[in-house]
Amino acid sequence: MFFLIGFHIKTMKKDLGINMNVTDKKKRVNELPTLDQVLLVEDVLQNIDDSLIPIIQLKKKLSRKLKENTLMTILDYLESMNKITITPKGITWIVNTNTRLRKAIDTGLCH
């Protein structure tokens, strides 16, 4: 289950399936993103030319259409995993996999 930040307890209970009838649970399962959808959004965000992309442009760059709720769930998940930052101007990918940078951060620049 994805961790959704900023929602109050009542919403979290609903998302976790607490006090929901069978119809609500089936509906919620249909709204959850698949791994393919999450990877698709990650790939687009990692490979953008600009450092910042508005959500509207992100929707246009996706090779297939995602429902608004699904996309927002994916973005909330990526933000909670510290892979992206969402600002009023757009979304920025913040994960850096450069091993030299990681080594410099771990050991420091001065010996």
PDB file of N, CA and C in Angstrom:
ATOM      1  N   MET A   1       0.860  -1.172   0.000  1.00  0.00           N
ATOM      2  CA  MET A   1       0.000   0.000   0.000  1.00  0.00           C
ATOM      3  C   MET A   1       0.903   1.230   0.000  1.00  0.00           C
ATOM      4  N   PHE A   2       0.546   2.188  -0.790  1.00  0.00           N
ATOM      5  CA  PHE A   2       1.333   3.407  -0.883  1.00  0.00           C
ATOM      6  C   PHE A   2       1.049   4.304   0.303  1.00  0.00           C
ATOM      7  N   PHE A   3       2.064   4.999   0.773  1.00  0.00           N
ATOM      8  CA  PHE A   3       1.892   5.924   1.872  1.00  0.00           C
ATOM      9  C   PHE A   3       1.465   7.265   1.294  1.00  0.00           C
ATOM     10  N   LEU A   4       0.316   7.727   1.698  1.00  0.00           N
ATOM     11  CA  LEU A   4      -0.201   8.991   1.197  1.00  0.00           C
ATOM     12  C   LEU A   4      -0.003  10.038   2.270  1.00  0.00           C
ATOM     13  N   ILE A   5       0.721  11.084   1.909  1.00  0.00           N
ATOM     14  CA  ILE A   5       1.065  12.130   2.862  1.00  0.00           C
ATOM     15  C   ILE A   5       0.027  13.238   2.796  1.00  0.00           C
ATOM     16  N   GLY A   6      -0.308  13.783   3.941  1.00  0.00           N
ATOM     17  CA  GLY A   6      -1.186  14.946   3.990  1.00  0.00           C
ATOM     18  C   GLY A   6      -2.667  14.627   4.083  1.00  0.00           C
ATOM     19  N   PHE A   7      -3.036  13.369   4.176  1.00  0.00           N
ATOM     20  CA  PHE A   7      -4.447  13.035   4.308  1.00  0.00           C
ATOM     21  C   PHE A   7      -4.757  12.753   5.770  1.00  0.00           C
ATOM     22  N   HIS A   8      -5.942  13.078   6.181  1.00  0.00           N
ATOM     23  CA  HIS A   8      -6.301  12.851   7.573  1.00  0.00           C
ATOM     24  C   HIS A   8      -6.669  11.386   7.802  1.00  0.00           C
ATOM     25  N   ILE A   9      -6.855  11.017   9.036  1.00  0.00           N
ATOM     26  CA  ILE A   9      -7.042   9.616   9.437  1.00  0.00           C
ATOM     27  C   ILE A   9      -8.235   8.971   8.738  1.00  0.00           C
ATOM     28  N   LYS A  10      -9.313   9.692   8.569  1.00  0.00           N
ATOM     29  CA  LYS A  10     -10.497   9.122   7.944  1.00  0.00           C
ATOM     30  C   LYS A  10     -10.192   8.680   6.519  1.00  0.00           C
ATOM     31  N   THR A  11      -9.481   9.505   5.771  1.00  0.00           N
ATOM     32  CA  THR A  11      -9.122   9.161   4.399  1.00  0.00           C
ATOM     33  C   THR A  11      -8.169   7.981   4.384  1.00  0.00           C
ATOM     34  N   MET A  12      -7.225   7.946   5.317  1.00  0.00           N
ATOM     35  CA  MET A  12      -6.279   6.841   5.364  1.00  0.00           C
ATOM     36  C   MET A  12      -6.990   5.529   5.662  1.00  0.00           C
ATOM     37  N   LYS A  13      -7.979   5.562   6.553  1.00  0.00           N
ATOM     38  CA  LYS A  13      -8.733   4.347   6.844  1.00  0.00           C
ATOM     39  C   LYS A  13      -9.449   3.855   5.600  1.00  0.00           C
ATOM     40  N   LYS A  14     -10.010   4.781   4.837  1.00  0.00           N
ATOM     41  CA  LYS A  14     -10.709   4.400   3.617  1.00  0.00           C
ATOM     42  C   LYS A  14      -9.731   3.801   2.611  1.00  0.00           C
ATOM     43  N   ASP A  15      -8.541   4.408   2.449  1.00  0.00           N
ATOM     44  CA  ASP A  15      -7.549   3.905   1.511  1.00  0.00           C
ATOM     45  C   ASP A  15      -7.022   2.531   1.907  1.00  0.00           C
ATOM     46  N   LEU A  16      -6.950   2.262   3.202  1.00  0.00           N
ATOM     47  CA  LEU A  16      -6.456   0.976   3.669  1.00  0.00           C
ATOM     48  C   LEU A  16      -7.529  -0.099   3.662  1.00  0.00           C
ATOM     49  N   GLY A  17      -8.754   0.271   3.371  1.00  0.00           N
ATOM     50  CA  GLY A  17      -9.828  -0.713   3.301  1.00  0.00           C
ATOM     51  C   GLY A  17     -10.529  -0.960   4.605  1.00  0.00           C
ATOM     52  N   ILE A  18     -10.323  -0.104   5.581  1.00  0.00           N
ATOM     53  CA  ILE A  18     -10.973  -0.263   6.867  1.00  0.00           C
ATOM     54  C   ILE A  18     -12.382   0.312   6.768  1.00  0.00           C
ATOM     55  N   ASN A  19     -13.356  -0.424   7.267  1.00  0.00           N
ATOM     56  CA  ASN A  19     -14.760  -0.023   7.265  1.00  0.00           C
ATOM     57  C   ASN A  19     -15.291   0.232   5.844  1.00  0.00           C
ATOM     58  N   MET A  20     -14.834  -0.563   4.885  1.00  0.00           N
ATOM     59  CA  MET A  20     -15.323  -0.435   3.515  1.00  0.00           C
ATOM     60  C   MET A  20     -16.115  -1.680   3.155  1.00  0.00           C
ATOM     61  N   ASN A  21     -17.151  -1.498   2.340  1.00  0.00           N
ATOM     62  CA  ASN A  21     -17.875  -2.670   1.881  1.00  0.00           C
ATOM     63  C   ASN A  21     -17.143  -3.261   0.665  1.00  0.00           C
ATOM     64  N   VAL A  22     -17.591  -4.395   0.182  1.00  0.00           N
ATOM     65  CA  VAL A  22     -16.903  -5.129  -0.884  1.00  0.00           C
ATOM     66  C   VAL A  22     -16.838  -4.299  -2.168  1.00  0.00           C
ATOM     67  N   THR A  23     -17.891  -3.571  -2.503  1.00  0.00           N
ATOM     68  CA  THR A  23     -17.915  -2.761  -3.711  1.00  0.00           C
ATOM     69  C   THR A  23     -16.857  -1.668  -3.658  1.00  0.00           C
ATOM     70  N   ASP A  24     -16.714  -0.994  -2.506  1.00  0.00           N
ATOM     71  CA  ASP A  24     -15.706   0.051  -2.352  1.00  0.00           C
ATOM     72  C   ASP A  24     -14.295  -0.514  -2.469  1.00  0.00           C
ATOM     73  N   LYS A  25     -14.080  -1.710  -1.918  1.00  0.00           N
ATOM     74  CA  LYS A  25     -12.754  -2.325  -1.989  1.00  0.00           C
ATOM     75  C   LYS A  25     -12.388  -2.657  -3.433  1.00  0.00           C
ATOM     76  N   LYS A  26     -13.334  -3.206  -4.191  1.00  0.00           N
ATOM     77  CA  LYS A  26     -13.065  -3.528  -5.593  1.00  0.00           C
ATOM     78  C   LYS A  26     -12.778  -2.270  -6.394  1.00  0.00           C
ATOM     79  N   LYS A  27     -13.514  -1.206  -6.118  1.00  0.00           N
ATOM     80  CA  LYS A  27     -13.305   0.058  -6.816  1.00  0.00           C
ATOM     81  C   LYS A  27     -11.917   0.608  -6.505  1.00  0.00           C
ATOM     82  N   ARG A  28     -11.490   0.548  -5.260  1.00  0.00           N
ATOM     83  CA  ARG A  28     -10.184   1.061  -4.852  1.00  0.00           C
ATOM     84  C   ARG A  28      -9.054   0.274  -5.506  1.00  0.00           C
ATOM     85  N   VAL A  29      -9.201  -1.054  -5.606  1.00  0.00           N
ATOM     86  CA  VAL A  29      -8.181  -1.879  -6.235  1.00  0.00           C
ATOM     87  C   VAL A  29      -8.015  -1.484  -7.697  1.00  0.00           C
ATOM     88  N   ASN A  30      -9.104  -1.149  -8.376  1.00  0.00           N
ATOM     89  CA  ASN A  30      -9.017  -0.734  -9.772  1.00  0.00           C
ATOM     90  C   ASN A  30      -8.293   0.596  -9.930  1.00  0.00           C
ATOM     91  N   GLU A  31      -8.251   1.435  -8.896  1.00  0.00           N
ATOM     92  CA  GLU A  31      -7.607   2.738  -8.972  1.00  0.00           C
ATOM     93  C   GLU A  31      -6.119   2.684  -8.639  1.00  0.00           C
ATOM     94  N   LEU A  32      -5.654   1.611  -8.005  1.00  0.00           N
ATOM     95  CA  LEU A  32      -4.252   1.513  -7.638  1.00  0.00           C
ATOM     96  C   LEU A  32      -3.396   1.343  -8.880  1.00  0.00           C
ATOM     97  N   PRO A  33      -2.257   2.028  -8.935  1.00  0.00           N
ATOM     98  CA  PRO A  33      -1.401   1.902 -10.114  1.00  0.00           C
ATOM     99  C   PRO A  33      -0.690   0.555 -10.156  1.00  0.00           C
ATOM    100  N   THR A  34      -0.421   0.101 -11.366  1.00  0.00           N
ATOM    101  CA  THR A  34       0.353  -1.118 -11.537  1.00  0.00           C
ATOM    102  C   THR A  34       1.835  -0.764 -11.532  1.00  0.00           C
ATOM    103  N   LEU A  35       2.671  -1.764 -11.412  1.00  0.00           N
ATOM    104  CA  LEU A  35       4.110  -1.538 -11.451  1.00  0.00           C
ATOM    105  C   LEU A  35       4.516  -0.937 -12.794  1.00  0.00           C
ATOM    106  N   ASP A  36       3.916  -1.398 -13.877  1.00  0.00           N
ATOM    107  CA  ASP A  36       4.222  -0.855 -15.201  1.00  0.00           C
ATOM    108  C   ASP A  36       3.930   0.643 -15.269  1.00  0.00           C
ATOM    109  N   GLN A  37       2.820   1.061 -14.670  1.00  0.00           N
ATOM    110  CA  GLN A  37       2.463   2.482 -14.674  1.00  0.00           C
ATOM    111  C   GLN A  37       3.459   3.300 -13.866  1.00  0.00           C
ATOM    112  N   VAL A  38       3.874   2.795 -12.715  1.00  0.00           N
ATOM    113  CA  VAL A  38       4.845   3.506 -11.875  1.00  0.00           C
ATOM    114  C   VAL A  38       6.172   3.629 -12.614  1.00  0.00           C
ATOM    115  N   LEU A  39       6.626   2.533 -13.230  1.00  0.00           N
ATOM    116  CA  LEU A  39       7.882   2.557 -13.970  1.00  0.00           C
ATOM    117  C   LEU A  39       7.821   3.482 -15.174  1.00  0.00           C
ATOM    118  N   LEU A  40       6.666   3.556 -15.818  1.00  0.00           N
ATOM    119  CA  LEU A  40       6.483   4.455 -16.953  1.00  0.00           C
ATOM    120  C   LEU A  40       6.665   5.906 -16.525  1.00  0.00           C
ATOM    121  N   VAL A  41       6.022   6.292 -15.441  1.00  0.00           N
ATOM    122  CA  VAL A  41       6.133   7.664 -14.939  1.00  0.00           C
ATOM    123  C   VAL A  41       7.563   7.952 -14.492  1.00  0.00           C
ATOM    124  N   GLU A  42       8.197   6.998 -13.797  1.00  0.00           N
ATOM    125  CA  GLU A  42       9.590   7.173 -13.376  1.00  0.00           C
ATOM    126  C   GLU A  42      10.496   7.398 -14.576  1.00  0.00           C
ATOM    127  N   ASP A  43      10.326   6.597 -15.625  1.00  0.00           N
ATOM    128  CA  ASP A  43      11.163   6.701 -16.809  1.00  0.00           C
ATOM    129  C   ASP A  43      11.014   8.063 -17.490  1.00  0.00           C
ATOM    130  N   VAL A  44       9.792   8.522 -17.608  1.00  0.00           N
ATOM    131  CA  VAL A  44       9.562   9.836 -18.228  1.00  0.00           C
ATOM    132  C   VAL A  44      10.203  10.940 -17.393  1.00  0.00           C
ATOM    133  N   LEU A  45      10.046  10.884 -16.077  1.00  0.00           N
ATOM    134  CA  LEU A  45      10.610  11.926 -15.219  1.00  0.00           C
ATOM    135  C   LEU A  45      12.139  11.898 -15.217  1.00  0.00           C
ATOM    136  N   GLN A  46      12.740  10.719 -15.291  1.00  0.00           N
ATOM    137  CA  GLN A  46      14.194  10.614 -15.301  1.00  0.00           C
ATOM    138  C   GLN A  46      14.795  11.156 -16.591  1.00  0.00           C
ATOM    139  N   ASN A  47      14.091  11.018 -17.694  1.00  0.00           N
ATOM    140  CA  ASN A  47      14.651  11.334 -19.001  1.00  0.00           C
ATOM    141  C   ASN A  47      14.157  12.645 -19.602  1.00  0.00           C
ATOM    142  N   ILE A  48      13.568  13.517 -18.813  1.00  0.00           N
ATOM    143  CA  ILE A  48      13.142  14.808 -19.356  1.00  0.00           C
ATOM    144  C   ILE A  48      14.363  15.684 -19.592  1.00  0.00           C
ATOM    145  N   ASP A  49      14.269  16.554 -20.597  1.00  0.00           N
ATOM    146  CA  ASP A  49      15.382  17.439 -20.929  1.00  0.00           C
ATOM    147  C   ASP A  49      15.503  18.585 -19.942  1.00  0.00           C
ATOM    148  N   ASP A  50      14.384  19.085 -19.475  1.00  0.00           N
ATOM    149  CA  ASP A  50      14.389  20.200 -18.531  1.00  0.00           C
ATOM    150  C   ASP A  50      14.511  19.672 -17.109  1.00  0.00           C
ATOM    151  N   SER A  51      14.893  20.548 -16.208  1.00  0.00           N
ATOM    152  CA  SER A  51      14.993  20.128 -14.812  1.00  0.00           C
ATOM    153  C   SER A  51      13.639  20.164 -14.113  1.00  0.00           C
ATOM    154  N   LEU A  52      12.654  20.774 -14.733  1.00  0.00           N
ATOM    155  CA  LEU A  52      11.329  20.932 -14.138  1.00  0.00           C
ATOM    156  C   LEU A  52      10.280  20.664 -15.207  1.00  0.00           C
ATOM    157  N   ILE A  53       9.265  19.891 -14.871  1.00  0.00           N
ATOM    158  CA  ILE A  53       8.192  19.602 -15.828  1.00  0.00           C
ATOM    159  C   ILE A  53       6.845  19.801 -15.147  1.00  0.00           C
ATOM    160  N   PRO A  54       5.983  20.635 -15.728  1.00  0.00           N
ATOM    161  CA  PRO A  54       4.626  20.785 -15.181  1.00  0.00           C
ATOM    162  C   PRO A  54       3.817  19.495 -15.378  1.00  0.00           C
ATOM    163  N   ILE A  55       2.834  19.284 -14.540  1.00  0.00           N
ATOM    164  CA  ILE A  55       2.021  18.070 -14.610  1.00  0.00           C
ATOM    165  C   ILE A  55       1.330  17.957 -15.964  1.00  0.00           C
ATOM    166  N   ILE A  56       0.909  19.056 -16.526  1.00  0.00           N
ATOM    167  CA  ILE A  56       0.231  19.033 -17.834  1.00  0.00           C
ATOM    168  C   ILE A  56       1.165  18.471 -18.903  1.00  0.00           C
ATOM    169  N   GLN A  57       2.431  18.909 -18.903  1.00  0.00           N
ATOM    170  CA  GLN A  57       3.391  18.380 -19.878  1.00  0.00           C
ATOM    171  C   GLN A  57       3.724  16.922 -19.605  1.00  0.00           C
ATOM    172  N   LEU A  58       3.763  16.543 -18.332  1.00  0.00           N
ATOM    173  CA  LEU A  58       4.011  15.150 -17.987  1.00  0.00           C
ATOM    174  C   LEU A  58       2.926  14.257 -18.574  1.00  0.00           C
ATOM    175  N   LYS A  59       1.678  14.682 -18.467  1.00  0.00           N
ATOM    176  CA  LYS A  59       0.568  13.900 -19.022  1.00  0.00           C
ATOM    177  C   LYS A  59       0.723  13.737 -20.524  1.00  0.00           C
ATOM    178  N   LYS A  60       1.187  14.779 -21.218  1.00  0.00           N
ATOM    179  CA  LYS A  60       1.372  14.712 -22.669  1.00  0.00           C
ATOM    180  C   LYS A  60       2.521  13.791 -23.051  1.00  0.00           C
ATOM    181  N   LYS A  61       3.574  13.708 -22.223  1.00  0.00           N
ATOM    182  CA  LYS A  61       4.747  12.893 -22.530  1.00  0.00           C
ATOM    183  C   LYS A  61       4.536  11.407 -22.248  1.00  0.00           C
ATOM    184  N   LEU A  62       3.537  11.081 -21.440  1.00  0.00           N
ATOM    185  CA  LEU A  62       3.276   9.673 -21.137  1.00  0.00           C
ATOM    186  C   LEU A  62       2.772   8.977 -22.396  1.00  0.00           C
ATOM    187  N   SER A  63       3.302   7.784 -22.678  1.00  0.00           N
ATOM    188  CA  SER A  63       2.949   7.069 -23.903  1.00  0.00           C
ATOM    189  C   SER A  63       1.516   6.528 -23.873  1.00  0.00           C
ATOM    190  N   ARG A  64       0.960   6.396 -22.695  1.00  0.00           N
ATOM    191  CA  ARG A  64      -0.441   5.975 -22.582  1.00  0.00           C
ATOM    192  C   ARG A  64      -1.125   6.824 -21.524  1.00  0.00           C
ATOM    193  N   LYS A  65      -2.407   6.888 -21.633  1.00  0.00           N
ATOM    194  CA  LYS A  65      -3.189   7.726 -20.731  1.00  0.00           C
ATOM    195  C   LYS A  65      -3.346   7.058 -19.371  1.00  0.00           C
ATOM    196  N   LEU A  66      -3.190   7.861 -18.331  1.00  0.00           N
ATOM    197  CA  LEU A  66      -3.450   7.403 -16.975  1.00  0.00           C
ATOM    198  C   LEU A  66      -4.574   8.246 -16.403  1.00  0.00           C
ATOM    199  N   LYS A  67      -5.386   7.629 -15.570  1.00  0.00           N
ATOM    200  CA  LYS A  67      -6.425   8.389 -14.883  1.00  0.00           C
ATOM    201  C   LYS A  67      -5.768   9.386 -13.944  1.00  0.00           C
ATOM    202  N   GLU A  68      -6.441  10.492 -13.717  1.00  0.00           N
ATOM    203  CA  GLU A  68      -5.914  11.563 -12.857  1.00  0.00           C
ATOM    204  C   GLU A  68      -5.570  11.029 -11.466  1.00  0.00           C
ATOM    205  N   ASN A  69      -6.478  10.231 -10.883  1.00  0.00           N
ATOM    206  CA  ASN A  69      -6.242   9.686  -9.541  1.00  0.00           C
ATOM    207  C   ASN A  69      -5.036   8.750  -9.521  1.00  0.00           C
ATOM    208  N   THR A  70      -4.880   7.953 -10.568  1.00  0.00           N
ATOM    209  CA  THR A  70      -3.752   7.029 -10.642  1.00  0.00           C
ATOM    210  C   THR A  70      -2.447   7.790 -10.731  1.00  0.00           C
ATOM    211  N   LEU A  71      -2.391   8.808 -11.584  1.00  0.00           N
ATOM    212  CA  LEU A  71      -1.181   9.609 -11.731  1.00  0.00           C
ATOM    213  C   LEU A  71      -0.825  10.310 -10.421  1.00  0.00           C
ATOM    214  N   MET A  72      -1.812  10.868  -9.750  1.00  0.00           N
ATOM    215  CA  MET A  72      -1.545  11.566  -8.498  1.00  0.00           C
ATOM    216  C   MET A  72      -1.067  10.585  -7.414  1.00  0.00           C
ATOM    217  N   THR A  73      -1.602   9.363  -7.404  1.00  0.00           N
ATOM    218  CA  THR A  73      -1.142   8.346  -6.454  1.00  0.00           C
ATOM    219  C   THR A  73       0.317   7.993  -6.725  1.00  0.00           C
ATOM    220  N   ILE A  74       0.672   7.860  -8.001  1.00  0.00           N
ATOM    221  CA  ILE A  74       2.057   7.562  -8.375  1.00  0.00           C
ATOM    222  C   ILE A  74       2.972   8.699  -7.943  1.00  0.00           C
ATOM    223  N   LEU A  75       2.567   9.943  -8.196  1.00  0.00           N
ATOM    224  CA  LEU A  75       3.390  11.096  -7.820  1.00  0.00           C
ATOM    225  C   LEU A  75       3.541  11.199  -6.305  1.00  0.00           C
ATOM    226  N   ASP A  76       2.472  10.933  -5.561  1.00  0.00           N
ATOM    227  CA  ASP A  76       2.561  10.926  -4.090  1.00  0.00           C
ATOM    228  C   ASP A  76       3.544   9.860  -3.619  1.00  0.00           C
ATOM    229  N   TYR A  77       3.478   8.690  -4.244  1.00  0.00           N
ATOM    230  CA  TYR A  77       4.394   7.600  -3.887  1.00  0.00           C
ATOM    231  C   TYR A  77       5.846   7.986  -4.177  1.00  0.00           C
ATOM    232  N   LEU A  78       6.110   8.514  -5.370  1.00  0.00           N
ATOM    233  CA  LEU A  78       7.485   8.891  -5.731  1.00  0.00           C
ATOM    234  C   LEU A  78       8.019   9.994  -4.827  1.00  0.00           C
ATOM    235  N   GLU A  79       7.144  10.908  -4.429  1.00  0.00           N
ATOM    236  CA  GLU A  79       7.572  11.970  -3.520  1.00  0.00           C
ATOM    237  C   GLU A  79       7.869  11.404  -2.132  1.00  0.00           C
ATOM    238  N   SER A  80       7.065  10.463  -1.674  1.00  0.00           N
ATOM    239  CA  SER A  80       7.305   9.875  -0.354  1.00  0.00           C
ATOM    240  C   SER A  80       8.584   9.027  -0.343  1.00  0.00           C
ATOM    241  N   MET A  81       8.996   8.526  -1.502  1.00  0.00           N
ATOM    242  CA  MET A  81      10.236   7.750  -1.624  1.00  0.00           C
ATOM    243  C   MET A  81      11.441   8.655  -1.906  1.00  0.00           C
ATOM    244  N   ASN A  82      11.228   9.973  -1.864  1.00  0.00           N
ATOM    245  CA  ASN A  82      12.279  10.966  -2.118  1.00  0.00           C
ATOM    246  C   ASN A  82      12.926  10.809  -3.492  1.00  0.00           C
ATOM    247  N   LYS A  83      12.122  10.480  -4.481  1.00  0.00           N
ATOM    248  CA  LYS A  83      12.617  10.397  -5.848  1.00  0.00           C
ATOM    249  C   LYS A  83      12.290  11.662  -6.629  1.00  0.00           C
ATOM    250  N   ILE A  84      11.226  12.353  -6.241  1.00  0.00           N
ATOM    251  CA  ILE A  84      10.830  13.594  -6.906  1.00  0.00           C
ATOM    252  C   ILE A  84      10.494  14.651  -5.866  1.00  0.00           C
ATOM    253  N   THR A  85      10.479  15.888  -6.339  1.00  0.00           N
ATOM    254  CA  THR A  85       9.975  16.988  -5.533  1.00  0.00           C
ATOM    255  C   THR A  85       8.878  17.656  -6.344  1.00  0.00           C
ATOM    256  N   ILE A  86       7.746  17.890  -5.713  1.00  0.00           N
ATOM    257  CA  ILE A  86       6.628  18.549  -6.382  1.00  0.00           C
ATOM    258  C   ILE A  86       6.544  19.972  -5.866  1.00  0.00           C
ATOM    259  N   THR A  87       6.649  20.929  -6.780  1.00  0.00           N
ATOM    260  CA  THR A  87       6.567  22.346  -6.444  1.00  0.00           C
ATOM    261  C   THR A  87       5.382  22.946  -7.187  1.00  0.00           C
ATOM    262  N   PRO A  88       4.999  24.167  -6.860  1.00  0.00           N
ATOM    263  CA  PRO A  88       3.904  24.793  -7.607  1.00  0.00           C
ATOM    264  C   PRO A  88       4.196  24.954  -9.105  1.00  0.00           C
ATOM    265  N   LYS A  89       5.473  25.023  -9.473  1.00  0.00           N
ATOM    266  CA  LYS A  89       5.836  25.192 -10.886  1.00  0.00           C
ATOM    267  C   LYS A  89       5.948  23.868 -11.630  1.00  0.00           C
ATOM    268  N   GLY A  90       6.096  22.758 -10.925  1.00  0.00           N
ATOM    269  CA  GLY A  90       6.204  21.473 -11.592  1.00  0.00           C
ATOM    270  C   GLY A  90       6.889  20.425 -10.753  1.00  0.00           C
ATOM    271  N   ILE A  91       7.384  19.390 -11.428  1.00  0.00           N
ATOM    272  CA  ILE A  91       7.973  18.227 -10.783  1.00  0.00           C
ATOM    273  C   ILE A  91       9.443  18.126 -11.182  1.00  0.00           C
ATOM    274  N   THR A  92      10.301  17.791 -10.230  1.00  0.00           N
ATOM    275  CA  THR A  92      11.722  17.623 -10.485  1.00  0.00           C
ATOM    276  C   THR A  92      12.174  16.262  -9.987  1.00  0.00           C
ATOM    277  N   TRP A  93      12.947  15.545 -10.812  1.00  0.00           N
ATOM    278  CA  TRP A  93      13.549  14.272 -10.412  1.00  0.00           C
ATOM    279  C   TRP A  93      14.781  14.591  -9.586  1.00  0.00           C
ATOM    280  N   ILE A  94      14.900  14.057  -8.364  1.00  0.00           N
ATOM    281  CA  ILE A  94      16.001  14.440  -7.479  1.00  0.00           C
ATOM    282  C   ILE A  94      16.944  13.292  -7.142  1.00  0.00           C
ATOM    283  N   VAL A  95      16.678  12.092  -7.612  1.00  0.00           N
ATOM    284  CA  VAL A  95      17.549  10.957  -7.326  1.00  0.00           C
ATOM    285  C   VAL A  95      18.755  11.024  -8.254  1.00  0.00           C
ATOM    286  N   ASN A  96      19.944  10.913  -7.686  1.00  0.00           N
ATOM    287  CA  ASN A  96      21.161  10.907  -8.480  1.00  0.00           C
ATOM    288  C   ASN A  96      21.886   9.590  -8.227  1.00  0.00           C
ATOM    289  N   THR A  97      22.108   8.825  -9.288  1.00  0.00           N
ATOM    290  CA  THR A  97      22.739   7.509  -9.152  1.00  0.00           C
ATOM    291  C   THR A  97      24.222   7.537  -9.514  1.00  0.00           C
ATOM    292  N   ASN A  98      24.806   8.713  -9.628  1.00  0.00           N
ATOM    293  CA  ASN A  98      26.220   8.847  -9.968  1.00  0.00           C
ATOM    294  C   ASN A  98      27.066   8.318  -8.805  1.00  0.00           C
ATOM    295  N   THR A  99      27.857   7.281  -9.053  1.00  0.00           N
ATOM    296  CA  THR A  99      28.643   6.653  -7.982  1.00  0.00           C
ATOM    297  C   THR A  99      29.752   7.577  -7.477  1.00  0.00           C
ATOM    298  N   ARG A 100      30.317   8.400  -8.340  1.00  0.00           N
ATOM    299  CA  ARG A 100      31.360   9.328  -7.911  1.00  0.00           C
ATOM    300  C   ARG A 100      30.785  10.382  -6.966  1.00  0.00           C
ATOM    301  N   LEU A 101      29.580  10.857  -7.281  1.00  0.00           N
ATOM    302  CA  LEU A 101      28.931  11.828  -6.400  1.00  0.00           C
ATOM    303  C   LEU A 101      28.612  11.184  -5.051  1.00  0.00           C
ATOM    304  N   ARG A 102      28.087   9.971  -5.065  1.00  0.00           N
ATOM    305  CA  ARG A 102      27.755   9.268  -3.824  1.00  0.00           C
ATOM    306  C   ARG A 102      29.009   9.078  -2.968  1.00  0.00           C
ATOM    307  N   LYS A 103      30.142   8.710  -3.595  1.00  0.00           N
ATOM    308  CA  LYS A 103      31.391   8.523  -2.868  1.00  0.00           C
ATOM    309  C   LYS A 103      31.876   9.842  -2.268  1.00  0.00           C
ATOM    310  N   ALA A 104      31.759  10.932  -3.028  1.00  0.00           N
ATOM    311  CA  ALA A 104      32.176  12.256  -2.533  1.00  0.00           C
ATOM    312  C   ALA A 104      31.316  12.679  -1.351  1.00  0.00           C
ATOM    313  N   ILE A 105      30.037  12.388  -1.397  1.00  0.00           N
ATOM    314  CA  ILE A 105      29.153  12.743  -0.289  1.00  0.00           C
ATOM    315  C   ILE A 105      29.499  11.914   0.941  1.00  0.00           C
ATOM    316  N   ASP A 106      29.742  10.624   0.752  1.00  0.00           N
ATOM    317  CA  ASP A 106      30.047   9.738   1.879  1.00  0.00           C
ATOM    318  C   ASP A 106      31.387  10.041   2.532  1.00  0.00           C
ATOM    319  N   THR A 107      32.423  10.314   1.722  1.00  0.00           N
ATOM    320  CA  THR A 107      33.761  10.502   2.280  1.00  0.00           C
ATOM    321  C   THR A 107      34.130  11.972   2.484  1.00  0.00           C
ATOM    322  N   GLY A 108      33.423  12.855   1.836  1.00  0.00           N
ATOM    323  CA  GLY A 108      33.757  14.268   1.913  1.00  0.00           C
ATOM    324  C   GLY A 108      34.725  14.649   0.804  1.00  0.00           C
ATOM    325  N   LEU A 109      34.801  15.909   0.488  1.00  0.00           N
ATOM    326  CA  LEU A 109      35.663  16.361  -0.588  1.00  0.00           C
ATOM    327  C   LEU A 109      37.120  16.472  -0.155  1.00  0.00           C
ATOM    328  N   CYS A 110      37.383  16.728   1.122  1.00  0.00           N
ATOM    329  CA  CYS A 110      38.759  16.864   1.631  1.00  0.00           C
ATOM    330  C   CYS A 110      39.150  15.588   2.362  1.00  0.00           C
ATOM    331  N   HIS A 111      40.377  15.176   2.192  1.00  0.00           N
ATOM    332  CA  HIS A 111      40.859  13.957   2.873  1.00  0.00           C
ATOM    333  C   HIS A 111      41.626  14.316   4.107  1.00  0.00           C
TER     334      HIS A 111
END
